[in-house]
Amino acid sequence: MTPDERVMTALHTEHYDVLLSFVLRYVRSREHAEDVVQETLLRTWRNVDRLQPSSASIRSYLFTAARNVVTDSWRAEQRRPYTVWDDAAIAAVPSTDDVESALESQLVAAALERLSPQHRSVVQALYYEGLTVTEAASRLGVPEGTVKSRAYYAVRNLRAAFEEMGALQ
């Protein structure tokens, strides 16, 4: 063990508890206080050649260094943006997917408005309600072939409407 290592081991053994209780008066959590004490001892180790051998001056140096570390930590926290931990607030922020979904919904609604009522009702029954061709024909009161035909032309008209609106390239 080098002489510097012996000095730091002695400093840690003699002053750690006192330094920790000093720092705990200024910080919120024990983990943060332990980090501050560790940083204080690291700064002390970097300047070990400047330390006076008397115990009073070493303790005074350690308290000053700890206070400076706490101040530096506090200043760093003030520069960081405030972190929101409120789940309701986070959930209320629209995500990119929500915005894209809303725009797509408006685009589809505008395209559906361009269809005839007969074509729109077939699209509603088949694609939104998930009915089979037979079920849609029964509900709309038209033959199954008519439902298939209207669905085919409705999809063609929707594709043309999307192209006119610039949604398809």
N, C-alpha and C. Protein backbone atom coordinates (compact mmCIF):
# COMPACT_ATOMS: atom_id res chain seq x y z
N MET A 1 0.85 -1.18 0.00
CA MET A 1 0.00 0.00 0.00
C MET A 1 0.90 1.24 0.00
N THR A 2 0.58 2.19 -0.88
CA THR A 2 1.37 3.42 -0.96
C THR A 2 1.02 4.34 0.21
N PRO A 3 1.89 5.30 0.46
CA PRO A 3 1.59 6.25 1.56
C PRO A 3 0.28 7.01 1.32
N ASP A 4 -0.01 7.40 0.07
CA ASP A 4 -1.27 8.10 -0.23
C ASP A 4 -2.47 7.21 0.07
N GLU A 5 -2.36 5.93 -0.25
CA GLU A 5 -3.46 5.00 0.02
C GLU A 5 -3.67 4.83 1.52
N ARG A 6 -2.59 4.80 2.27
CA ARG A 6 -2.70 4.70 3.73
C ARG A 6 -3.38 5.94 4.30
N VAL A 7 -3.01 7.12 3.79
CA VAL A 7 -3.61 8.36 4.26
C VAL A 7 -5.10 8.37 3.95
N MET A 8 -5.48 7.97 2.74
CA MET A 8 -6.89 7.98 2.36
C MET A 8 -7.68 6.94 3.15
N THR A 9 -7.08 5.80 3.40
CA THR A 9 -7.76 4.79 4.22
C THR A 9 -8.00 5.33 5.62
N ALA A 10 -7.01 6.00 6.17
CA ALA A 10 -7.14 6.58 7.51
C ALA A 10 -8.20 7.69 7.50
N LEU A 11 -8.20 8.52 6.46
CA LEU A 11 -9.21 9.58 6.36
C LEU A 11 -10.61 8.99 6.31
N HIS A 12 -10.78 7.97 5.50
CA HIS A 12 -12.08 7.33 5.36
C HIS A 12 -12.52 6.73 6.70
N THR A 13 -11.62 6.02 7.33
CA THR A 13 -11.96 5.36 8.59
C THR A 13 -12.31 6.38 9.68
N GLU A 14 -11.54 7.45 9.77
CA GLU A 14 -11.72 8.42 10.86
C GLU A 14 -12.85 9.42 10.62
N HIS A 15 -13.07 9.80 9.37
CA HIS A 15 -13.95 10.94 9.11
C HIS A 15 -15.22 10.61 8.33
N TYR A 16 -15.37 9.40 7.82
CA TYR A 16 -16.51 9.09 6.96
C TYR A 16 -17.85 9.32 7.67
N ASP A 17 -18.02 8.78 8.86
CA ASP A 17 -19.30 8.89 9.56
C ASP A 17 -19.66 10.34 9.88
N VAL A 18 -18.67 11.10 10.35
CA VAL A 18 -18.91 12.51 10.69
C VAL A 18 -19.25 13.30 9.42
N LEU A 19 -18.53 13.01 8.36
CA LEU A 19 -18.77 13.69 7.08
C LEU A 19 -20.15 13.34 6.54
N LEU A 20 -20.54 12.07 6.65
CA LEU A 20 -21.85 11.65 6.17
C LEU A 20 -22.98 12.34 6.95
N SER A 21 -22.86 12.40 8.25
CA SER A 21 -23.91 13.07 9.03
C SER A 21 -23.94 14.57 8.74
N PHE A 22 -22.79 15.17 8.46
CA PHE A 22 -22.75 16.59 8.07
C PHE A 22 -23.49 16.80 6.75
N VAL A 23 -23.23 15.95 5.78
CA VAL A 23 -23.84 16.10 4.45
C VAL A 23 -25.33 15.79 4.49
N LEU A 24 -25.75 14.86 5.33
CA LEU A 24 -27.17 14.50 5.41
C LEU A 24 -28.05 15.67 5.84
N ARG A 25 -27.47 16.67 6.46
CA ARG A 25 -28.25 17.86 6.82
C ARG A 25 -28.62 18.69 5.59
N TYR A 26 -27.90 18.49 4.50
CA TYR A 26 -28.09 19.35 3.33
C TYR A 26 -28.69 18.66 2.12
N VAL A 27 -28.72 17.34 2.11
CA VAL A 27 -29.27 16.62 0.95
C VAL A 27 -30.45 15.78 1.38
N ARG A 28 -31.26 15.36 0.41
CA ARG A 28 -32.52 14.67 0.70
C ARG A 28 -32.37 13.18 0.98
N SER A 29 -31.48 12.52 0.28
CA SER A 29 -31.41 11.06 0.41
C SER A 29 -30.04 10.61 0.89
N ARG A 30 -30.04 9.46 1.50
CA ARG A 30 -28.77 8.90 1.99
C ARG A 30 -27.85 8.56 0.81
N GLU A 31 -28.42 8.06 -0.29
CA GLU A 31 -27.61 7.72 -1.46
C GLU A 31 -26.90 8.95 -2.00
N HIS A 32 -27.62 10.07 -2.07
CA HIS A 32 -27.00 11.30 -2.55
C HIS A 32 -25.92 11.75 -1.59
N ALA A 33 -26.17 11.62 -0.29
CA ALA A 33 -25.17 12.00 0.71
C ALA A 33 -23.91 11.14 0.57
N GLU A 34 -24.11 9.85 0.35
CA GLU A 34 -22.95 8.97 0.17
C GLU A 34 -22.16 9.34 -1.08
N ASP A 35 -22.87 9.73 -2.15
CA ASP A 35 -22.18 10.19 -3.36
C ASP A 35 -21.38 11.45 -3.08
N VAL A 36 -21.94 12.37 -2.30
CA VAL A 36 -21.24 13.61 -1.96
C VAL A 36 -20.00 13.30 -1.14
N VAL A 37 -20.11 12.41 -0.17
CA VAL A 37 -18.95 12.04 0.65
C VAL A 37 -17.88 11.39 -0.21
N GLN A 38 -18.30 10.53 -1.12
CA GLN A 38 -17.34 9.88 -2.02
C GLN A 38 -16.63 10.92 -2.88
N GLU A 39 -17.37 11.86 -3.43
CA GLU A 39 -16.77 12.92 -4.24
C GLU A 39 -15.83 13.78 -3.38
N THR A 40 -16.22 14.03 -2.14
CA THR A 40 -15.37 14.82 -1.23
C THR A 40 -14.05 14.10 -0.99
N LEU A 41 -14.12 12.81 -0.73
CA LEU A 41 -12.89 12.05 -0.50
C LEU A 41 -12.04 11.95 -1.77
N LEU A 42 -12.69 11.90 -2.91
CA LEU A 42 -11.95 11.89 -4.18
C LEU A 42 -11.21 13.21 -4.38
N ARG A 43 -11.89 14.31 -4.12
CA ARG A 43 -11.23 15.62 -4.24
C ARG A 43 -10.09 15.75 -3.23
N THR A 44 -10.29 15.20 -2.05
CA THR A 44 -9.24 15.22 -1.03
C THR A 44 -8.04 14.40 -1.49
N TRP A 45 -8.31 13.25 -2.06
CA TRP A 45 -7.22 12.40 -2.55
C TRP A 45 -6.41 13.12 -3.63
N ARG A 46 -7.09 13.87 -4.49
CA ARG A 46 -6.38 14.61 -5.55
C ARG A 46 -5.46 15.70 -4.96
N ASN A 47 -5.82 16.18 -3.77
CA ASN A 47 -5.05 17.24 -3.13
C ASN A 47 -4.39 16.77 -1.83
N VAL A 48 -4.10 15.49 -1.73
CA VAL A 48 -3.57 14.93 -0.49
C VAL A 48 -2.23 15.56 -0.10
N ASP A 49 -1.47 16.02 -1.06
CA ASP A 49 -0.17 16.63 -0.75
C ASP A 49 -0.31 17.99 -0.05
N ARG A 50 -1.47 18.63 -0.15
CA ARG A 50 -1.70 19.93 0.49
C ARG A 50 -2.20 19.82 1.93
N LEU A 51 -2.59 18.64 2.35
CA LEU A 51 -3.19 18.47 3.68
C LEU A 51 -2.15 18.64 4.78
N GLN A 52 -2.58 19.29 5.85
CA GLN A 52 -1.75 19.42 7.05
C GLN A 52 -2.00 18.19 7.93
N PRO A 53 -1.04 17.74 8.63
CA PRO A 53 -1.22 16.53 9.42
C PRO A 53 -2.14 16.67 10.62
N SER A 54 -2.44 17.86 11.07
CA SER A 54 -3.30 17.99 12.26
C SER A 54 -4.73 17.59 11.91
N SER A 55 -5.38 16.89 12.82
CA SER A 55 -6.71 16.36 12.60
C SER A 55 -7.75 17.46 12.44
N ALA A 56 -7.60 18.57 13.17
CA ALA A 56 -8.57 19.68 13.09
C ALA A 56 -8.57 20.32 11.72
N SER A 57 -7.40 20.53 11.14
CA SER A 57 -7.35 21.16 9.82
C SER A 57 -7.85 20.21 8.74
N ILE A 58 -7.61 18.91 8.91
CA ILE A 58 -8.11 17.93 7.93
C ILE A 58 -9.63 17.91 7.95
N ARG A 59 -10.22 17.86 9.15
CA ARG A 59 -11.67 17.83 9.25
C ARG A 59 -12.28 19.12 8.68
N SER A 60 -11.66 20.24 8.96
CA SER A 60 -12.12 21.52 8.42
C SER A 60 -12.06 21.50 6.89
N TYR A 61 -10.95 20.97 6.36
CA TYR A 61 -10.80 20.86 4.91
C TYR A 61 -11.90 19.97 4.33
N LEU A 62 -12.16 18.83 4.98
CA LEU A 62 -13.18 17.90 4.50
C LEU A 62 -14.57 18.54 4.51
N PHE A 63 -14.92 19.27 5.58
CA PHE A 63 -16.22 19.94 5.64
C PHE A 63 -16.35 20.99 4.55
N THR A 64 -15.29 21.74 4.32
CA THR A 64 -15.32 22.76 3.26
C THR A 64 -15.49 22.09 1.90
N ALA A 65 -14.73 21.03 1.68
CA ALA A 65 -14.84 20.32 0.40
C ALA A 65 -16.24 19.73 0.22
N ALA A 66 -16.80 19.16 1.28
CA ALA A 66 -18.15 18.58 1.21
C ALA A 66 -19.18 19.67 0.92
N ARG A 67 -19.05 20.81 1.58
CA ARG A 67 -19.99 21.90 1.32
C ARG A 67 -19.89 22.36 -0.13
N ASN A 68 -18.68 22.40 -0.67
CA ASN A 68 -18.50 22.78 -2.08
C ASN A 68 -19.12 21.75 -3.02
N VAL A 69 -18.99 20.47 -2.69
CA VAL A 69 -19.60 19.42 -3.51
C VAL A 69 -21.12 19.53 -3.47
N VAL A 70 -21.67 19.77 -2.28
CA VAL A 70 -23.13 19.94 -2.16
C VAL A 70 -23.58 21.14 -2.98
N THR A 71 -22.84 22.24 -2.90
CA THR A 71 -23.19 23.45 -3.68
C THR A 71 -23.12 23.16 -5.17
N ASP A 72 -22.06 22.49 -5.60
CA ASP A 72 -21.93 22.15 -7.02
C ASP A 72 -23.08 21.25 -7.47
N SER A 73 -23.44 20.29 -6.63
CA SER A 73 -24.53 19.38 -6.95
C SER A 73 -25.85 20.15 -7.06
N TRP A 74 -26.09 21.04 -6.13
CA TRP A 74 -27.32 21.84 -6.15
C TRP A 74 -27.38 22.70 -7.40
N ARG A 75 -26.27 23.33 -7.76
CA ARG A 75 -26.24 24.17 -8.97
C ARG A 75 -26.48 23.33 -10.22
N ALA A 76 -25.91 22.13 -10.25
CA ALA A 76 -26.12 21.25 -11.41
C ALA A 76 -27.58 20.86 -11.53
N GLU A 77 -28.24 20.59 -10.39
CA GLU A 77 -29.66 20.25 -10.42
C GLU A 77 -30.51 21.42 -10.92
N GLN A 78 -30.12 22.64 -10.58
CA GLN A 78 -30.89 23.82 -10.99
C GLN A 78 -30.79 24.04 -12.50
N ARG A 79 -29.71 23.59 -13.10
CA ARG A 79 -29.54 23.77 -14.55
C ARG A 79 -30.29 22.72 -15.35
N ARG A 80 -30.57 21.58 -14.74
CA ARG A 80 -31.27 20.51 -15.44
C ARG A 80 -32.76 20.82 -15.51
N PRO A 81 -33.40 20.40 -16.60
CA PRO A 81 -34.85 20.58 -16.67
C PRO A 81 -35.54 19.71 -15.63
N TYR A 82 -36.66 20.19 -15.17
CA TYR A 82 -37.43 19.48 -14.15
C TYR A 82 -38.06 18.24 -14.76
N THR A 83 -37.90 17.10 -14.12
CA THR A 83 -38.44 15.84 -14.60
C THR A 83 -39.85 15.65 -14.04
N VAL A 84 -40.79 15.36 -14.94
CA VAL A 84 -42.17 15.13 -14.53
C VAL A 84 -42.36 13.65 -14.27
N TRP A 85 -42.86 13.32 -13.09
CA TRP A 85 -43.11 11.93 -12.74
C TRP A 85 -44.60 11.65 -12.63
N ASP A 86 -45.43 12.57 -13.09
CA ASP A 86 -46.87 12.42 -12.99
C ASP A 86 -47.36 11.59 -14.18
N ASP A 87 -47.80 10.37 -13.92
CA ASP A 87 -48.23 9.48 -15.00
C ASP A 87 -49.40 10.05 -15.79
N ALA A 88 -50.33 10.74 -15.11
CA ALA A 88 -51.47 11.33 -15.80
C ALA A 88 -51.02 12.43 -16.76
N ALA A 89 -50.05 13.23 -16.34
CA ALA A 89 -49.54 14.30 -17.21
C ALA A 89 -48.82 13.72 -18.41
N ILE A 90 -48.06 12.67 -18.18
CA ILE A 90 -47.33 12.03 -19.28
C ILE A 90 -48.32 11.39 -20.27
N ALA A 91 -49.36 10.77 -19.74
CA ALA A 91 -50.36 10.12 -20.61
C ALA A 91 -51.15 11.15 -21.41
N ALA A 92 -51.29 12.37 -20.89
CA ALA A 92 -52.08 13.40 -21.57
C ALA A 92 -51.33 14.01 -22.76
N VAL A 93 -50.03 13.87 -22.80
CA VAL A 93 -49.25 14.43 -23.90
C VAL A 93 -49.47 13.57 -25.13
N PRO A 94 -49.92 14.17 -26.23
CA PRO A 94 -50.16 13.36 -27.42
C PRO A 94 -48.85 12.85 -28.01
N SER A 95 -48.85 11.60 -28.37
CA SER A 95 -47.66 11.03 -28.99
C SER A 95 -47.72 11.28 -30.49
N THR A 96 -46.63 11.03 -31.16
CA THR A 96 -46.59 11.20 -32.61
C THR A 96 -47.61 10.29 -33.27
N ASP A 97 -47.78 9.09 -32.74
CA ASP A 97 -48.75 8.16 -33.31
C ASP A 97 -50.16 8.71 -33.18
N ASP A 98 -50.49 9.37 -32.05
CA ASP A 98 -51.82 9.94 -31.86
C ASP A 98 -52.09 11.02 -32.90
N VAL A 99 -51.11 11.86 -33.14
CA VAL A 99 -51.27 12.94 -34.11
C VAL A 99 -51.43 12.38 -35.51
N GLU A 100 -50.59 11.41 -35.86
CA GLU A 100 -50.69 10.80 -37.19
C GLU A 100 -52.02 10.08 -37.35
N SER A 101 -52.46 9.42 -36.32
CA SER A 101 -53.74 8.71 -36.37
C SER A 101 -54.90 9.70 -36.58
N ALA A 102 -54.84 10.83 -35.89
CA ALA A 102 -55.90 11.85 -36.03
C ALA A 102 -55.90 12.41 -37.46
N LEU A 103 -54.72 12.66 -38.01
CA LEU A 103 -54.64 13.18 -39.38
C LEU A 103 -55.15 12.15 -40.38
N GLU A 104 -54.77 10.89 -40.17
CA GLU A 104 -55.26 9.84 -41.06
C GLU A 104 -56.77 9.70 -40.97
N SER A 105 -57.32 9.82 -39.77
CA SER A 105 -58.77 9.73 -39.60
C SER A 105 -59.49 10.83 -40.36
N GLN A 106 -58.94 12.04 -40.29
CA GLN A 106 -59.54 13.16 -41.02
C GLN A 106 -59.45 12.94 -42.52
N LEU A 107 -58.33 12.40 -42.97
CA LEU A 107 -58.14 12.13 -44.39
C LEU A 107 -59.13 11.07 -44.87
N VAL A 108 -59.29 10.01 -44.10
CA VAL A 108 -60.22 8.93 -44.47
C VAL A 108 -61.65 9.46 -44.46
N ALA A 109 -62.00 10.27 -43.46
CA ALA A 109 -63.36 10.82 -43.39
C ALA A 109 -63.64 11.70 -44.60
N ALA A 110 -62.66 12.50 -44.99
CA ALA A 110 -62.84 13.36 -46.17
C ALA A 110 -63.00 12.52 -47.43
N ALA A 111 -62.24 11.44 -47.54
CA ALA A 111 -62.35 10.57 -48.72
C ALA A 111 -63.69 9.85 -48.73
N LEU A 112 -64.16 9.41 -47.56
CA LEU A 112 -65.46 8.73 -47.50
C LEU A 112 -66.61 9.67 -47.88
N GLU A 113 -66.47 10.94 -47.60
CA GLU A 113 -67.50 11.92 -47.96
C GLU A 113 -67.65 12.03 -49.49
N ARG A 114 -66.63 11.68 -50.21
CA ARG A 114 -66.68 11.75 -51.67
C ARG A 114 -67.41 10.56 -52.30
N LEU A 115 -67.67 9.53 -51.51
CA LEU A 115 -68.39 8.36 -52.02
C LEU A 115 -69.89 8.60 -52.01
N SER A 116 -70.58 7.83 -52.84
CA SER A 116 -72.04 7.88 -52.82
C SER A 116 -72.52 7.21 -51.53
N PRO A 117 -73.74 7.52 -51.09
CA PRO A 117 -74.26 6.89 -49.87
C PRO A 117 -74.28 5.36 -49.95
N GLN A 118 -74.58 4.80 -51.12
CA GLN A 118 -74.62 3.35 -51.26
C GLN A 118 -73.22 2.74 -51.07
N HIS A 119 -72.22 3.37 -51.71
CA HIS A 119 -70.85 2.86 -51.56
C HIS A 119 -70.36 3.03 -50.12
N ARG A 120 -70.68 4.16 -49.51
CA ARG A 120 -70.26 4.43 -48.13
C ARG A 120 -70.86 3.41 -47.16
N SER A 121 -72.13 3.03 -47.38
CA SER A 121 -72.77 2.06 -46.48
C SER A 121 -72.13 0.67 -46.62
N VAL A 122 -71.72 0.30 -47.83
CA VAL A 122 -71.05 -0.98 -48.03
C VAL A 122 -69.67 -0.97 -47.34
N VAL A 123 -68.93 0.11 -47.51
CA VAL A 123 -67.61 0.23 -46.86
C VAL A 123 -67.78 0.16 -45.34
N GLN A 124 -68.79 0.85 -44.82
CA GLN A 124 -69.06 0.84 -43.38
C GLN A 124 -69.34 -0.59 -42.90
N ALA A 125 -70.19 -1.29 -43.62
CA ALA A 125 -70.58 -2.64 -43.20
C ALA A 125 -69.41 -3.62 -43.30
N LEU A 126 -68.69 -3.59 -44.41
CA LEU A 126 -67.63 -4.58 -44.62
C LEU A 126 -66.35 -4.27 -43.85
N TYR A 127 -65.90 -3.02 -43.91
CA TYR A 127 -64.57 -2.70 -43.38
C TYR A 127 -64.57 -2.15 -41.96
N TYR A 128 -65.62 -1.49 -41.55
CA TYR A 128 -65.65 -0.94 -40.20
C TYR A 128 -66.38 -1.85 -39.22
N GLU A 129 -67.46 -2.48 -39.68
CA GLU A 129 -68.21 -3.36 -38.80
C GLU A 129 -67.77 -4.81 -38.92
N GLY A 130 -67.00 -5.13 -39.96
CA GLY A 130 -66.47 -6.48 -40.12
C GLY A 130 -67.50 -7.52 -40.53
N LEU A 131 -68.58 -7.09 -41.18
CA LEU A 131 -69.60 -8.04 -41.62
C LEU A 131 -69.12 -8.80 -42.84
N THR A 132 -69.66 -9.99 -43.03
CA THR A 132 -69.38 -10.74 -44.25
C THR A 132 -70.24 -10.16 -45.37
N VAL A 133 -69.95 -10.58 -46.59
CA VAL A 133 -70.74 -10.10 -47.73
C VAL A 133 -72.20 -10.50 -47.56
N THR A 134 -72.43 -11.71 -47.09
CA THR A 134 -73.80 -12.19 -46.89
C THR A 134 -74.52 -11.34 -45.84
N GLU A 135 -73.84 -11.07 -44.71
CA GLU A 135 -74.44 -10.27 -43.64
C GLU A 135 -74.70 -8.84 -44.10
N ALA A 136 -73.77 -8.28 -44.87
CA ALA A 136 -73.95 -6.91 -45.37
C ALA A 136 -75.11 -6.86 -46.36
N ALA A 137 -75.21 -7.85 -47.21
CA ALA A 137 -76.31 -7.89 -48.18
C ALA A 137 -77.64 -7.97 -47.46
N SER A 138 -77.71 -8.79 -46.43
CA SER A 138 -78.94 -8.93 -45.66
C SER A 138 -79.31 -7.61 -44.97
N ARG A 139 -78.34 -6.98 -44.36
CA ARG A 139 -78.62 -5.74 -43.64
C ARG A 139 -79.01 -4.61 -44.61
N LEU A 140 -78.35 -4.52 -45.76
CA LEU A 140 -78.61 -3.43 -46.71
C LEU A 140 -79.79 -3.73 -47.63
N GLY A 141 -80.22 -4.96 -47.65
CA GLY A 141 -81.37 -5.32 -48.46
C GLY A 141 -81.07 -5.36 -49.95
N VAL A 142 -79.85 -5.77 -50.29
CA VAL A 142 -79.44 -5.88 -51.70
C VAL A 142 -78.81 -7.24 -51.91
N PRO A 143 -78.70 -7.70 -53.15
CA PRO A 143 -78.08 -8.99 -53.41
C PRO A 143 -76.57 -8.97 -53.08
N GLU A 144 -76.00 -10.16 -52.84
CA GLU A 144 -74.58 -10.26 -52.51
C GLU A 144 -73.70 -9.73 -53.63
N GLY A 145 -74.08 -9.99 -54.87
CA GLY A 145 -73.31 -9.49 -56.02
C GLY A 145 -73.24 -7.97 -56.02
N THR A 146 -74.33 -7.33 -55.62
CA THR A 146 -74.36 -5.86 -55.56
C THR A 146 -73.40 -5.36 -54.48
N VAL A 147 -73.36 -6.05 -53.35
CA VAL A 147 -72.44 -5.66 -52.27
C VAL A 147 -71.00 -5.77 -52.77
N LYS A 148 -70.68 -6.89 -53.46
CA LYS A 148 -69.32 -7.07 -53.97
C LYS A 148 -68.97 -6.00 -54.99
N SER A 149 -69.90 -5.70 -55.88
CA SER A 149 -69.67 -4.69 -56.90
C SER A 149 -69.47 -3.31 -56.27
N ARG A 150 -70.34 -2.96 -55.32
CA ARG A 150 -70.22 -1.64 -54.66
C ARG A 150 -68.90 -1.55 -53.88
N ALA A 151 -68.51 -2.65 -53.26
CA ALA A 151 -67.24 -2.64 -52.51
C ALA A 151 -66.07 -2.43 -53.45
N TYR A 152 -66.10 -3.08 -54.60
CA TYR A 152 -65.03 -2.92 -55.58
C TYR A 152 -64.92 -1.48 -56.06
N TYR A 153 -66.06 -0.90 -56.46
CA TYR A 153 -66.04 0.48 -56.97
C TYR A 153 -65.78 1.49 -55.85
N ALA A 154 -66.21 1.18 -54.63
CA ALA A 154 -65.95 2.09 -53.51
C ALA A 154 -64.45 2.16 -53.23
N VAL A 155 -63.77 1.01 -53.27
CA VAL A 155 -62.33 1.00 -53.04
C VAL A 155 -61.61 1.74 -54.15
N ARG A 156 -62.04 1.56 -55.40
CA ARG A 156 -61.43 2.30 -56.52
C ARG A 156 -61.62 3.80 -56.35
N ASN A 157 -62.85 4.21 -55.96
CA ASN A 157 -63.13 5.64 -55.76
C ASN A 157 -62.33 6.21 -54.57
N LEU A 158 -62.17 5.41 -53.52
CA LEU A 158 -61.37 5.86 -52.38
C LEU A 158 -59.91 6.05 -52.79
N ARG A 159 -59.39 5.12 -53.57
CA ARG A 159 -58.01 5.23 -54.03
C ARG A 159 -57.85 6.50 -54.88
N ALA A 160 -58.79 6.77 -55.75
CA ALA A 160 -58.73 7.99 -56.57
C ALA A 160 -58.83 9.23 -55.69
N ALA A 161 -59.68 9.21 -54.67
CA ALA A 161 -59.83 10.35 -53.76
C ALA A 161 -58.53 10.58 -53.00
N PHE A 162 -57.90 9.51 -52.52
CA PHE A 162 -56.63 9.66 -51.81
C PHE A 162 -55.54 10.24 -52.72
N GLU A 163 -55.53 9.81 -53.97
CA GLU A 163 -54.55 10.34 -54.91
C GLU A 163 -54.79 11.83 -55.17
N GLU A 164 -56.05 12.22 -55.30
CA GLU A 164 -56.38 13.64 -55.49
C GLU A 164 -55.96 14.48 -54.30
N MET A 165 -56.10 13.92 -53.10
CA MET A 165 -55.74 14.65 -51.89
C MET A 165 -54.24 14.59 -51.60
N GLY A 166 -53.50 13.84 -52.42
CA GLY A 166 -52.05 13.76 -52.23
C GLY A 166 -51.63 12.77 -51.19
N ALA A 167 -52.51 11.89 -50.77
CA ALA A 167 -52.17 10.90 -49.74
C ALA A 167 -51.43 9.70 -50.33
N LEU A 168 -51.67 9.40 -51.59
CA LEU A 168 -50.97 8.30 -52.26
C LEU A 168 -50.08 8.90 -53.34
N GLN A 169 -48.92 8.35 -53.47
CA GLN A 169 -47.99 8.85 -54.50
C GLN A 169 -47.77 7.79 -55.55
